[in-house]
Protein backbone atom coordinates (compact mmCIF):
# COMPACT_ATOMS: atom_id res chain seq x y z
CA UNK A 1 -0.25 -0.16 0.14
CA UNK A 2 1.37 3.43 -1.04
CA UNK A 3 0.93 6.60 1.29
CA UNK A 4 0.02 9.47 -0.14
CA UNK A 5 2.89 11.67 1.11
CA UNK A 6 1.56 14.64 -1.28
CA UNK A 7 -1.77 14.89 1.10
CA UNK A 8 0.44 14.54 4.26
CA UNK A 9 2.81 17.54 2.82
CA UNK A 10 -0.51 20.08 1.44
CA UNK A 11 -1.74 19.65 5.43
CA UNK A 12 1.96 20.49 6.66
CA UNK A 13 1.67 23.87 4.46
CA UNK A 14 -1.49 24.70 5.36
CA UNK A 15 -0.65 24.23 9.45
CA UNK A 16 2.34 25.95 8.91
CA UNK A 17 0.67 28.94 6.85
CA UNK A 18 -2.21 29.24 9.97
CA UNK A 19 0.56 29.38 12.55
CA UNK A 20 3.15 31.59 10.81
CA UNK A 21 0.58 34.34 10.70
CA UNK A 22 1.20 37.37 12.67
CA UNK A 23 -1.07 37.60 15.47
CA UNK A 24 -0.84 40.44 18.46
CA UNK A 25 0.54 38.71 21.62
CA UNK A 26 0.16 40.58 25.03
CA UNK A 27 2.62 39.94 27.61
CA UNK A 28 1.05 42.11 30.54
CA UNK A 29 -0.20 40.73 33.80
CA UNK A 30 1.00 39.11 37.09
CA UNK A 31 1.65 35.70 37.52
CA UNK A 32 0.78 33.79 40.91
CA UNK A 33 3.49 31.54 42.38
CA UNK A 34 2.49 28.43 44.10
CA UNK A 35 2.15 28.27 47.86
CA UNK A 36 4.14 25.47 47.82
CA UNK A 37 7.15 27.30 46.03
CA UNK A 38 6.91 30.23 48.67
CA UNK A 39 7.52 27.44 51.49
CA UNK A 40 10.46 25.95 49.95
CA UNK A 41 12.15 29.66 49.47
CA UNK A 42 11.62 30.19 53.20
CA UNK A 43 12.82 26.97 53.97
CA UNK A 44 15.88 27.74 51.82
CA UNK A 45 16.45 30.78 53.27
CA UNK A 46 16.57 29.76 56.96
CA UNK A 47 19.24 27.23 56.23
CA UNK A 48 21.31 29.68 54.16
CA UNK A 49 20.53 32.12 57.35
CA UNK A 50 21.56 29.25 59.61
CA UNK A 51 25.22 29.09 58.14
CA UNK A 52 24.24 25.83 55.59
CA UNK A 53 25.42 25.62 52.02
CA UNK A 54 23.19 24.00 49.57
CA UNK A 55 23.67 21.06 47.30
CA UNK A 56 21.99 18.65 45.12
CA UNK A 57 22.08 15.26 46.01
CA UNK A 58 21.92 12.12 43.63
CA UNK A 59 18.45 11.20 42.44
CA UNK A 60 19.27 7.58 41.35
CA UNK A 61 20.24 5.08 44.01
CA UNK A 62 21.80 1.56 43.56
CA UNK A 63 19.47 -1.29 45.26
CA UNK A 64 22.94 -2.24 46.54
CA UNK A 65 22.96 1.07 48.68
CA UNK A 66 19.71 0.55 50.23
CA UNK A 67 20.97 -2.86 51.75
CA UNK A 68 24.71 -1.12 52.92
CA UNK A 69 22.29 1.85 54.66
CA UNK A 70 19.25 -0.13 55.94
CA UNK A 71 20.70 -3.70 56.44
CA UNK A 72 17.74 -5.66 57.42
CA UNK A 73 14.97 -3.30 56.78
CA UNK A 74 15.91 -2.91 53.30
CA UNK A 75 13.72 -5.25 51.69
CA UNK A 76 10.75 -3.31 53.47
CA UNK A 77 12.09 0.15 52.50
CA UNK A 78 12.35 -1.78 48.85
CA UNK A 79 8.70 -2.31 48.64
CA UNK A 80 8.06 0.90 48.49
CA UNK A 81 10.26 2.28 45.78
CA UNK A 82 10.42 2.95 42.10
CA UNK A 83 12.60 0.40 40.26
CA UNK A 84 14.31 2.03 36.73
CA UNK A 85 13.96 0.17 33.94
CA UNK A 86 15.29 1.23 30.24
CA UNK A 87 14.63 0.07 26.31
CA UNK A 88 17.30 -2.14 24.77
CA UNK A 89 18.68 -0.79 21.50
CA UNK A 90 16.81 -2.75 19.03
CA UNK A 91 19.19 -5.09 16.60
CA UNK A 92 17.77 -3.77 13.05
CA UNK A 93 18.38 -5.56 9.78
CA UNK A 94 18.32 -4.42 6.53
CA UNK A 95 16.81 -6.91 4.58
CA UNK A 96 15.71 -7.07 1.21
CA UNK A 97 11.87 -7.29 1.71
CA UNK A 98 12.48 -4.06 4.00
CA UNK A 99 14.74 -2.11 1.31
CA UNK A 100 11.75 -2.88 -1.26
CA UNK A 101 9.16 -1.57 1.82
CA UNK A 102 10.91 1.31 2.24
CA UNK A 103 10.94 1.89 -1.82
CA UNK A 104 6.99 1.05 -1.94
CA UNK A 105 6.31 4.59 0.24
CA UNK A 106 8.22 6.43 -2.63
CA UNK A 107 11.53 6.66 -0.76
CA UNK A 108 14.61 6.16 -2.78
CA UNK A 109 17.23 5.16 -0.30
CA UNK A 110 20.67 4.67 -0.68
CA UNK A 111 21.25 0.92 1.15
CA UNK A 112 24.56 1.33 2.41
CA UNK A 113 23.92 4.93 3.93
CA UNK A 114 21.11 3.56 5.73
CA UNK A 115 23.10 0.59 7.14
CA UNK A 116 25.34 2.79 8.59
CA UNK A 117 23.19 5.21 10.11
CA UNK A 118 21.36 1.75 11.92
CA UNK A 119 24.99 0.47 12.67
CA UNK A 120 25.92 3.64 14.39
CA UNK A 121 22.69 3.64 16.08
CA UNK A 122 23.14 0.25 17.83
CA UNK A 123 26.62 1.15 19.05
CA UNK A 124 25.26 4.21 20.85
CA UNK A 125 26.74 6.67 18.78
CA UNK A 126 23.13 8.20 17.83
CA UNK A 127 21.10 9.24 20.37
CA UNK A 128 17.51 8.06 20.09
CA UNK A 129 15.90 11.21 20.03
CA UNK A 130 18.08 11.91 17.08
CA UNK A 131 17.74 8.93 14.98
CA UNK A 132 15.02 10.28 12.95
CA UNK A 133 16.94 13.71 12.07
CA UNK A 134 19.99 12.17 11.56
CA UNK A 135 18.23 9.46 8.77
CA UNK A 136 16.65 12.47 7.14
CA UNK A 137 19.88 14.38 6.76
CA UNK A 138 21.94 11.16 5.76
CA UNK A 139 19.67 10.23 3.08
CA UNK A 140 18.25 13.85 2.29
CA UNK A 141 14.78 13.03 2.69
CA UNK A 142 12.56 15.36 4.95
CA UNK A 143 11.73 14.18 8.61
CA UNK A 144 7.91 13.05 7.56
CA UNK A 145 9.13 10.51 5.18
CA UNK A 146 11.99 9.30 7.67
CA UNK A 147 9.52 8.87 10.28
CA UNK A 148 7.28 7.04 8.21
CA UNK A 149 9.76 5.01 7.04
CA UNK A 150 10.68 3.88 10.99
CA UNK A 151 6.95 3.13 11.80
CA UNK A 152 6.33 1.15 9.06
CA UNK A 153 9.51 -0.54 8.17
CA UNK A 154 10.81 -1.33 11.34
CA UNK A 155 8.84 -3.00 13.85
CA UNK A 156 11.65 -3.88 16.02
CA UNK A 157 10.79 -0.48 17.76
CA UNK A 158 7.12 -1.28 18.62
CA UNK A 159 8.39 -4.70 20.06
CA UNK A 160 10.78 -3.15 22.47
CA UNK A 161 10.27 -4.07 26.09
CA UNK A 162 11.73 -2.40 29.31
CA UNK A 163 14.49 -4.48 31.15
CA UNK A 164 14.68 -3.44 34.93
CA UNK A 165 17.89 -2.39 36.46
CA UNK A 166 18.86 -2.57 39.99
CA UNK A 167 18.53 1.47 40.31
CA UNK A 168 16.02 3.07 42.05
CA UNK A 169 14.69 6.56 42.41
CA UNK A 170 15.07 8.10 45.53
CA UNK A 171 12.63 7.07 48.77
CA UNK A 172 14.94 8.89 51.23
CA UNK A 173 17.32 11.81 51.04
CA UNK A 174 19.49 9.61 53.38
CA UNK A 175 20.12 7.41 50.71
CA UNK A 176 21.60 10.37 48.47
CA UNK A 177 23.38 12.06 51.89
CA UNK A 178 25.93 8.79 52.62
CA UNK A 179 26.70 8.71 48.94
CA UNK A 180 27.68 12.49 48.60
CA UNK A 181 29.13 12.76 51.88
CA UNK A 182 31.84 9.97 50.91
CA UNK A 183 33.23 12.08 48.38
CA UNK A 184 32.97 14.82 50.31
CA UNK A 185 34.15 13.92 53.73
CA UNK A 186 37.81 14.00 52.97
CA UNK A 187 37.75 17.42 51.36
CA UNK A 188 35.69 19.79 53.32
CA UNK A 189 36.58 21.60 56.84
CA UNK A 190 34.38 20.57 59.62
CA UNK A 191 32.04 21.37 60.71
CA UNK A 192 30.29 20.58 57.30
CA UNK A 193 26.85 21.65 56.96
CA UNK A 194 24.99 20.82 53.89
CA UNK A 195 21.04 21.36 53.23
CA UNK A 196 19.40 20.24 49.74
CA UNK A 197 15.51 20.58 49.23
CA UNK A 198 14.21 18.27 46.85
CA UNK A 199 12.10 15.46 45.49
CA UNK A 200 11.78 11.71 47.13
CA UNK A 201 9.40 9.13 45.35
CA UNK A 202 7.59 6.76 47.34
CA UNK A 203 5.51 3.75 45.81
CA UNK A 204 2.25 4.68 47.43
CA UNK A 205 -0.95 2.63 46.57
CA UNK A 206 -2.80 5.38 45.70
CA UNK A 207 -2.64 9.79 45.88
CA UNK A 208 -5.15 11.41 48.31
CA UNK A 209 -5.42 14.21 50.34
CA UNK A 210 -2.79 13.21 52.62
CA UNK A 211 -0.49 10.95 50.38
CA UNK A 212 1.62 11.86 46.82
CA UNK A 213 4.00 9.20 44.83
CA UNK A 214 6.48 12.42 44.83
CA UNK A 215 7.01 14.85 47.62
CA UNK A 216 9.69 17.46 48.86
CA UNK A 217 12.26 16.77 51.57
CA UNK A 218 13.89 19.60 53.39
CA UNK A 219 17.23 17.81 54.47
CA UNK A 220 20.47 18.42 56.09
CA UNK A 221 22.88 17.41 57.40
CA UNK A 222 25.66 18.53 59.95
CA UNK A 223 28.84 16.80 60.68
CA UNK A 224 31.11 17.52 63.41
CA UNK A 225 33.15 15.80 66.25
CA UNK A 226 31.12 16.59 69.19
CA UNK A 227 27.60 16.42 67.21
CA UNK A 228 24.48 15.18 69.28
CA UNK A 229 20.80 15.22 69.99
CA UNK A 230 20.67 18.50 71.17
CA UNK A 231 21.91 20.02 67.77
CA UNK A 232 18.83 18.31 66.27
CA UNK A 233 16.58 19.58 68.79
CA UNK A 234 17.70 23.28 68.80
CA UNK A 235 18.41 22.91 64.97
CA UNK A 236 14.77 22.01 64.66
CA UNK A 237 13.39 24.41 67.23
CA UNK A 238 15.22 27.59 65.36
CA UNK A 239 13.52 26.52 62.06
CA UNK A 240 10.08 25.98 63.01
CA UNK A 241 9.80 29.37 64.76
CA UNK A 242 11.22 30.82 61.85
CA UNK A 243 8.46 29.83 59.86
CA UNK A 244 5.99 31.02 62.11
CA UNK A 245 5.63 27.89 64.72
CA UNK A 246 5.59 28.57 68.61
CA UNK A 247 4.25 25.54 69.79
CA UNK A 248 6.78 22.91 68.73
CA UNK A 249 6.95 18.91 70.57
CA UNK A 250 9.83 17.00 69.76
CA UNK A 251 9.46 13.14 70.46
CA UNK A 252 12.01 10.49 70.66
CA UNK A 253 11.36 7.64 68.55
CA UNK A 254 10.64 4.35 70.51
CA UNK A 255 12.04 2.28 67.50
CA UNK A 256 14.82 3.82 65.39
CA UNK A 257 15.82 3.68 61.69
CA UNK A 258 18.26 0.79 61.19
CA UNK A 259 20.97 3.64 59.80
CA UNK A 260 20.21 5.83 62.83
CA UNK A 261 22.34 5.05 66.21
CA UNK A 262 20.00 3.71 68.87
CA UNK A 263 17.49 6.22 70.83
CA UNK A 264 18.97 9.09 68.91
CA UNK A 265 16.05 9.49 66.03
CA UNK A 266 13.16 12.09 67.25
CA UNK A 267 10.24 13.07 65.40
CA UNK A 268 9.40 16.81 65.22
CA UNK A 269 5.51 17.70 65.85
CA UNK A 270 3.91 20.94 64.91
CA UNK A 271 0.46 22.64 66.42
CA UNK A 272 -1.55 23.39 63.36
CA UNK A 273 -4.40 25.05 65.13
CA UNK A 274 -6.24 21.63 65.48
CA UNK A 275 -4.02 19.39 66.54
CA UNK A 276 -0.25 18.10 66.06
CA UNK A 277 0.69 16.95 63.28
CA UNK A 278 4.31 15.02 62.37
CA UNK A 279 6.34 17.67 60.16
CA UNK A 280 10.12 16.61 60.67
CA UNK A 281 12.47 13.74 61.90
CA UNK A 282 16.07 14.04 63.03
CA UNK A 283 18.97 11.70 64.11
CA UNK A 284 22.32 10.80 64.73
CA UNK A 285 23.31 8.20 61.93
CA UNK A 286 24.61 5.16 63.07
CA UNK A 287 28.73 4.89 63.27
CA UNK A 288 28.21 1.31 61.63
CA UNK A 289 26.34 2.54 58.49
CA UNK A 290 28.54 5.78 58.17
CA UNK A 291 31.58 3.65 58.50
CA UNK A 292 30.40 1.62 55.31
CA UNK A 293 30.98 4.81 53.16
CA UNK A 294 34.44 5.50 55.05
CA UNK A 295 32.75 8.30 57.23
CA UNK A 296 34.54 8.52 60.60
CA UNK A 297 32.72 11.76 61.94
CA UNK A 298 29.29 11.87 64.20
CA UNK A 299 26.42 13.28 61.24
CA UNK A 300 23.26 14.12 62.63
CA UNK A 301 20.37 14.61 59.72
CA UNK A 302 17.45 16.77 59.71
CA UNK A 303 14.18 16.12 57.21
CA UNK A 304 11.62 18.12 57.01
CA UNK A 305 8.09 17.08 54.74
CA UNK A 306 7.63 20.62 53.06
CA UNK A 307 4.51 19.32 51.96
CA UNK A 308 2.92 19.32 55.31
CA UNK A 309 4.77 22.20 56.32
CA UNK A 310 3.00 23.99 53.41
CA UNK A 311 -0.91 22.08 54.63
CA UNK A 312 -0.22 23.38 58.52
CA UNK A 313 0.29 27.22 57.13
CA UNK A 314 -2.20 27.07 54.90
CA UNK A 315 -4.67 25.64 56.97
CA UNK A 316 -5.20 23.21 54.17
CA UNK A 317 -6.16 19.56 54.94
CA UNK A 318 -5.88 18.54 50.89
CA UNK A 319 -2.17 18.75 49.86
CA UNK A 320 -3.71 18.60 46.20
CA UNK A 321 -5.24 21.83 46.37
CA UNK A 322 -1.81 23.72 47.49
CA UNK A 323 -0.36 21.53 44.39
CA UNK A 324 -3.08 22.68 42.02
CA UNK A 325 -4.83 25.89 43.75
CA UNK A 326 -7.02 25.75 40.54
CA UNK A 327 -8.92 22.97 41.35
CA UNK A 328 -10.37 25.39 44.08
CA UNK A 329 -11.72 27.85 41.16
CA UNK A 330 -15.44 27.70 40.34
CA UNK A 331 -16.00 28.02 36.63
CA UNK A 332 -18.12 31.40 36.19
CA UNK A 333 -20.45 31.11 32.76
CA UNK A 334 -21.86 34.12 30.97
């Protein structure tokens, strides 16, 4: 079956003429920032004022690192993480039948040049998102014809199945701190005070007013020879008072996570006007866990749930309404 290339070209010409028509555009107005962004900026400013330097942490964590950090807890932790997968490079052959199919589409193909392009793609010399452009350029045809060729003649692309890896999306900032500190510990002077406000990912069964599959954590580490729980308590109180919360309750966890030293993990609760809600967690990293990464200096970690803080500040019970405020806007029709 021959594809009507001329019909497609005619349609493209019409659309091009429509979109290239000069029209009046206005850039006046004042946009509105998302409230969550405002809270993130407030927390960033507080950390900076307290002498912490901002960093960006590794996003991809190998499964082996989860086992190094969590020990016997690892299988439970891995139950709620996202594993990464990728598509393999397809093994594409250029048979006589395929050459005939290409020419049947009205494309005069140079077989040797196309074979060379496909070979380079297989070897990774051409990125996937550049393949169509490379085929079009090498064969001196337009990209519509190159796309049509790949779609109709090479079903190998459609048959690809993702191959899972041992890489995971970060579910805890702690997973990234160990990796980063192992690289920095010998190049920075003590005390080391670092923070990062970024996303973590949890494989939640559902998303609702209190659960998201991706949320922000405002996490910090404080590395010093004589670090203690009191550092975590004073830092927590300082941050949340700066955010406007006067009533702060810090409670010791009965059972600490495996990567914290025993009896050093605490949860931070704030009064949102109706009840005390948990918004943060801190503790002293276990010397055993630190030693696995060549870190010999005591380290305190504090992690703040940014969305929970935003909900408390906004007096909002549904986090989705903070992320997408237009959900609250009722349409008004004339």
